[in-house]
Amino acid sequence: MKKLIAALLATLISTLCAISADWANFARYEQANKTAPKSPQAVLLGDSITDNWARMRGEFFSGNNLVGRGISGQVTSQMLVRMRRDVLDLKPKFVAILAGTNDIAKNNGDISIENIYGNIVSMAEISKLHGIKVAICSVLPVYEYPWRKEVKNPSDQIKKLNSMLKKYADENGCIYVDYHSRMADARGGLPQNLAKDGVHPTNEGYAVMEKILLETLGKNK
């Protein structure tokens, strides 16, 4: 029995180590980065919202010389870790950072708004040090996370974080891409035509985002 328990524990530990070995998921874009366009107009860094965007609306990315580097489920600390591989090494003119909603949803446990903000600011500062223009995107409106309904008042937390991000962008030479104010409904969430589950945009939602992004970057060439 002891040998069986020891074997099971060894298997469990091995599995957990394998899972955590690539915590930031560098492998996701390892091959794509080798063949990515040289010096794209922008790298869009993010989570599932950006991941789905590049998958569902590939023509928008290729037609505007954009590279999508979103990974579903990621929090800001994971994105910060993969900045060098997925952003700096590609040498884009801009980086557009859309991050924070999974932190608020507690995907990786509790984290303060201040620490979410700090992670995003760190991404911005690293990019600026490498001569990359920074576009900080507002977190999209969310009234309720369908996979974590126990998170209370995410809309208020998102508004607080967005206010902090806008202030930083305005005071530090970054661009602020305001999706939130043009997409939020009366409840502070996304209307169903823009996101059926209230979090992940539909094609119609992405069309709105594309217009906002191009308008904003176009004013700051």
Protein backbone atom coordinates (compact mmCIF):
# COMPACT_ATOMS: atom_id res chain seq x y z
CA MET A 1 0.00 0.00 0.00
CA LYS A 2 2.81 2.40 0.89
CA LYS A 3 4.48 1.73 -2.46
CA LEU A 4 1.19 2.41 -4.25
CA ILE A 5 0.68 5.68 -2.39
CA ALA A 6 4.27 6.70 -3.12
CA ALA A 7 3.81 5.91 -6.81
CA LEU A 8 0.58 7.90 -6.96
CA LEU A 9 2.22 10.86 -5.23
CA ALA A 10 5.15 10.73 -7.63
CA THR A 11 2.77 10.72 -10.59
CA LEU A 12 0.81 13.64 -9.15
CA ILE A 13 3.95 15.69 -8.49
CA SER A 14 5.26 14.95 -11.98
CA THR A 15 1.96 16.04 -13.51
CA LEU A 16 1.86 19.26 -11.48
CA CYS A 17 5.44 20.06 -12.45
CA ALA A 18 4.63 19.51 -16.11
CA ILE A 19 1.61 21.79 -15.85
CA SER A 20 3.56 24.57 -14.14
CA ALA A 21 6.73 24.19 -16.22
CA ASP A 22 5.48 26.67 -18.82
CA TRP A 23 3.27 28.79 -16.58
CA ALA A 24 3.38 31.78 -18.95
CA ASN A 25 2.77 29.50 -21.98
CA PHE A 26 5.80 30.57 -24.00
CA ALA A 27 5.18 27.53 -26.18
CA ARG A 28 1.93 28.95 -27.54
CA TYR A 29 3.62 31.37 -29.94
CA GLU A 30 7.14 29.92 -30.08
CA GLN A 31 6.84 28.81 -33.70
CA ALA A 32 4.60 31.69 -34.81
CA ASN A 33 7.14 34.22 -33.54
CA LYS A 34 9.77 32.74 -35.88
CA THR A 35 7.65 33.51 -38.94
CA ALA A 36 5.83 36.65 -37.73
CA PRO A 37 5.99 39.80 -39.89
CA LYS A 38 9.09 41.85 -39.20
CA SER A 39 8.35 45.12 -37.38
CA PRO A 40 4.53 44.92 -37.52
CA GLN A 41 2.43 48.02 -37.00
CA ALA A 42 1.29 46.66 -33.65
CA VAL A 43 1.28 43.61 -31.43
CA LEU A 44 -2.00 43.11 -29.60
CA LEU A 45 -1.17 41.53 -26.25
CA GLY A 46 -3.94 40.04 -24.18
CA ASP A 47 -6.07 37.14 -23.02
CA SER A 48 -8.95 35.23 -24.64
CA ILE A 49 -10.51 38.43 -25.94
CA THR A 50 -7.43 39.08 -28.06
CA ASP A 51 -6.91 35.37 -28.75
CA ASN A 52 -10.44 35.00 -30.15
CA TRP A 53 -10.14 38.29 -32.02
CA ALA A 54 -7.16 37.10 -34.06
CA ARG A 55 -8.83 33.74 -34.70
CA MET A 56 -12.26 35.10 -35.67
CA ARG A 57 -11.14 38.21 -37.54
CA GLY A 58 -7.84 37.25 -39.14
CA GLU A 59 -8.35 39.56 -42.12
CA PHE A 60 -8.41 42.57 -39.81
CA PHE A 61 -5.03 41.58 -38.42
CA SER A 62 -3.35 40.74 -41.72
CA GLY A 63 -4.90 43.73 -43.49
CA ASN A 64 -3.57 46.18 -40.92
CA ASN A 65 -0.19 44.53 -40.27
CA LEU A 66 -1.17 43.53 -36.74
CA VAL A 67 0.01 40.53 -34.76
CA GLY A 68 -2.22 38.92 -32.14
CA ARG A 69 -0.59 37.57 -29.01
CA GLY A 70 -3.53 36.72 -26.78
CA ILE A 71 -3.72 33.59 -24.63
CA SER A 72 -7.03 32.45 -23.21
CA GLY A 73 -7.38 32.64 -19.44
CA GLN A 74 -4.20 34.60 -18.81
CA VAL A 75 -3.76 37.16 -16.08
CA THR A 76 -1.51 40.23 -16.20
CA SER A 77 1.41 38.58 -14.41
CA GLN A 78 1.60 35.90 -17.12
CA MET A 79 1.50 38.50 -19.89
CA LEU A 80 4.23 40.48 -18.17
CA VAL A 81 6.48 37.42 -18.11
CA ARG A 82 6.10 36.80 -21.86
CA MET A 83 6.62 40.42 -22.93
CA ARG A 84 10.11 39.80 -24.32
CA ARG A 85 9.24 36.80 -26.45
CA ASP A 86 5.82 37.90 -27.68
CA VAL A 87 6.29 41.66 -27.99
CA LEU A 88 9.84 43.04 -27.74
CA ASP A 89 11.45 40.48 -30.02
CA LEU A 90 8.92 41.27 -32.77
CA LYS A 91 9.93 44.97 -32.75
CA PRO A 92 6.48 46.45 -33.42
CA LYS A 93 5.79 50.16 -33.77
CA PHE A 94 3.00 49.89 -31.18
CA VAL A 95 1.92 47.45 -28.51
CA ALA A 96 -1.76 47.47 -27.55
CA ILE A 97 -2.22 45.95 -24.09
CA LEU A 98 -5.70 44.65 -23.29
CA ALA A 99 -5.42 42.98 -19.89
CA GLY A 100 -6.89 42.73 -16.43
CA THR A 101 -10.32 41.16 -16.74
CA ASN A 102 -9.10 37.68 -15.73
CA ASP A 103 -7.36 39.16 -12.69
CA ILE A 104 -10.65 40.74 -11.62
CA ALA A 105 -12.32 37.37 -12.26
CA LYS A 106 -9.75 35.82 -9.88
CA ASN A 107 -8.47 33.34 -12.46
CA ASN A 108 -5.21 33.13 -10.52
CA GLY A 109 -6.62 33.94 -7.09
CA ASP A 110 -7.09 37.23 -5.29
CA ILE A 111 -5.15 40.25 -6.50
CA SER A 112 -5.68 43.92 -5.72
CA ILE A 113 -6.61 46.48 -8.36
CA GLU A 114 -3.35 48.25 -7.51
CA ASN A 115 -1.29 45.16 -8.36
CA ILE A 116 -3.19 44.58 -11.61
CA TYR A 117 -2.48 48.20 -12.48
CA GLY A 118 1.18 47.75 -11.54
CA ASN A 119 1.57 44.78 -13.88
CA ILE A 120 0.10 46.72 -16.80
CA VAL A 121 2.26 49.75 -16.03
CA SER A 122 5.32 47.48 -15.97
CA MET A 123 4.42 46.18 -19.44
CA ALA A 124 4.09 49.75 -20.65
CA GLU A 125 7.40 50.86 -19.15
CA ILE A 126 9.30 47.87 -20.56
CA SER A 127 7.88 48.61 -24.01
CA LYS A 128 8.78 52.29 -23.86
CA LEU A 129 12.35 51.44 -22.86
CA HIS A 130 12.60 49.49 -26.12
CA GLY A 131 11.25 52.31 -28.28
CA ILE A 132 7.78 50.83 -28.71
CA LYS A 133 4.77 53.14 -28.55
CA VAL A 134 2.25 52.00 -25.96
CA ALA A 135 -1.52 51.82 -26.28
CA ILE A 136 -3.19 50.87 -23.02
CA CYS A 137 -6.67 49.53 -23.66
CA SER A 138 -9.54 49.88 -21.24
CA VAL A 139 -10.83 46.64 -19.77
CA LEU A 140 -14.09 45.75 -21.49
CA PRO A 141 -17.32 46.13 -19.51
CA VAL A 142 -18.44 43.09 -17.50
CA TYR A 143 -21.55 42.84 -15.35
CA GLU A 144 -20.98 39.21 -14.32
CA TYR A 145 -18.38 36.54 -15.06
CA PRO A 146 -20.29 33.39 -16.09
CA TRP A 147 -17.50 31.11 -14.85
CA ARG A 148 -17.09 32.95 -11.53
CA LYS A 149 -20.40 34.41 -10.47
CA GLU A 150 -19.22 34.83 -6.90
CA VAL A 151 -17.11 37.82 -7.97
CA LYS A 152 -19.17 40.76 -6.82
CA ASN A 153 -19.48 44.07 -8.66
CA PRO A 154 -16.87 43.47 -11.37
CA SER A 155 -18.20 46.49 -13.25
CA ASP A 156 -17.17 48.79 -10.40
CA GLN A 157 -13.71 47.21 -10.17
CA ILE A 158 -13.26 47.55 -13.92
CA LYS A 159 -14.24 51.22 -13.83
CA LYS A 160 -11.72 51.85 -11.04
CA LEU A 161 -8.92 50.09 -12.92
CA ASN A 162 -9.76 51.89 -16.17
CA SER A 163 -9.67 55.24 -14.40
CA MET A 164 -6.20 54.46 -13.07
CA LEU A 165 -4.99 53.27 -16.48
CA LYS A 166 -6.32 56.37 -18.26
CA LYS A 167 -4.62 58.64 -15.74
CA TYR A 168 -1.32 56.81 -16.21
CA ALA A 169 -1.61 56.93 -20.00
CA ASP A 170 -2.43 60.64 -20.02
CA GLU A 171 0.46 61.49 -17.71
CA ASN A 172 3.11 59.24 -19.25
CA GLY A 173 2.88 59.64 -23.00
CA CYS A 174 0.84 56.52 -23.68
CA ILE A 175 -2.29 56.16 -25.80
CA TYR A 176 -5.52 55.23 -24.05
CA VAL A 177 -7.88 53.10 -26.14
CA ASP A 178 -11.33 53.55 -24.63
CA TYR A 179 -13.46 50.55 -25.53
CA HIS A 180 -15.42 50.72 -22.30
CA SER A 181 -17.36 53.94 -22.67
CA ARG A 182 -18.49 53.08 -26.21
CA MET A 183 -19.50 49.50 -25.48
CA ALA A 184 -21.03 49.50 -21.97
CA ASP A 185 -24.76 49.16 -21.43
CA ALA A 186 -26.81 50.67 -18.61
CA ARG A 187 -25.74 47.93 -16.17
CA GLY A 188 -22.05 48.49 -16.82
CA GLY A 189 -21.74 45.30 -18.85
CA LEU A 190 -21.68 44.35 -22.51
CA PRO A 191 -25.01 44.11 -24.38
CA GLN A 192 -25.76 40.65 -25.76
CA ASN A 193 -25.27 41.67 -29.38
CA LEU A 194 -21.68 42.62 -28.53
CA ALA A 195 -20.95 39.64 -26.24
CA LYS A 196 -23.38 36.74 -25.86
CA ASP A 197 -21.81 35.57 -22.60
CA GLY A 198 -21.25 39.12 -21.34
CA VAL A 199 -17.46 38.86 -21.59
CA HIS A 200 -16.22 37.61 -24.96
CA PRO A 201 -17.10 39.78 -27.96
CA THR A 202 -19.13 38.57 -30.90
CA ASN A 203 -18.18 39.48 -34.46
CA GLU A 204 -20.28 42.61 -34.02
CA GLY A 205 -18.42 43.41 -30.81
CA TYR A 206 -15.06 43.00 -32.49
CA ALA A 207 -16.16 45.24 -35.36
CA VAL A 208 -16.83 48.00 -32.81
CA MET A 209 -13.44 47.42 -31.19
CA GLU A 210 -11.66 47.50 -34.54
CA LYS A 211 -13.15 50.88 -35.37
CA ILE A 212 -12.14 52.29 -31.99
CA LEU A 213 -8.61 50.87 -32.18
CA LEU A 214 -7.89 52.11 -35.70
CA GLU A 215 -9.35 55.55 -34.95
CA THR A 216 -7.23 55.88 -31.81
CA LEU A 217 -3.98 54.61 -33.29
CA GLY A 218 -4.57 56.68 -36.44
CA LYS A 219 -4.62 59.85 -34.36
CA ASN A 220 -1.30 58.92 -32.75
CA LYS A 221 0.88 57.78 -35.66
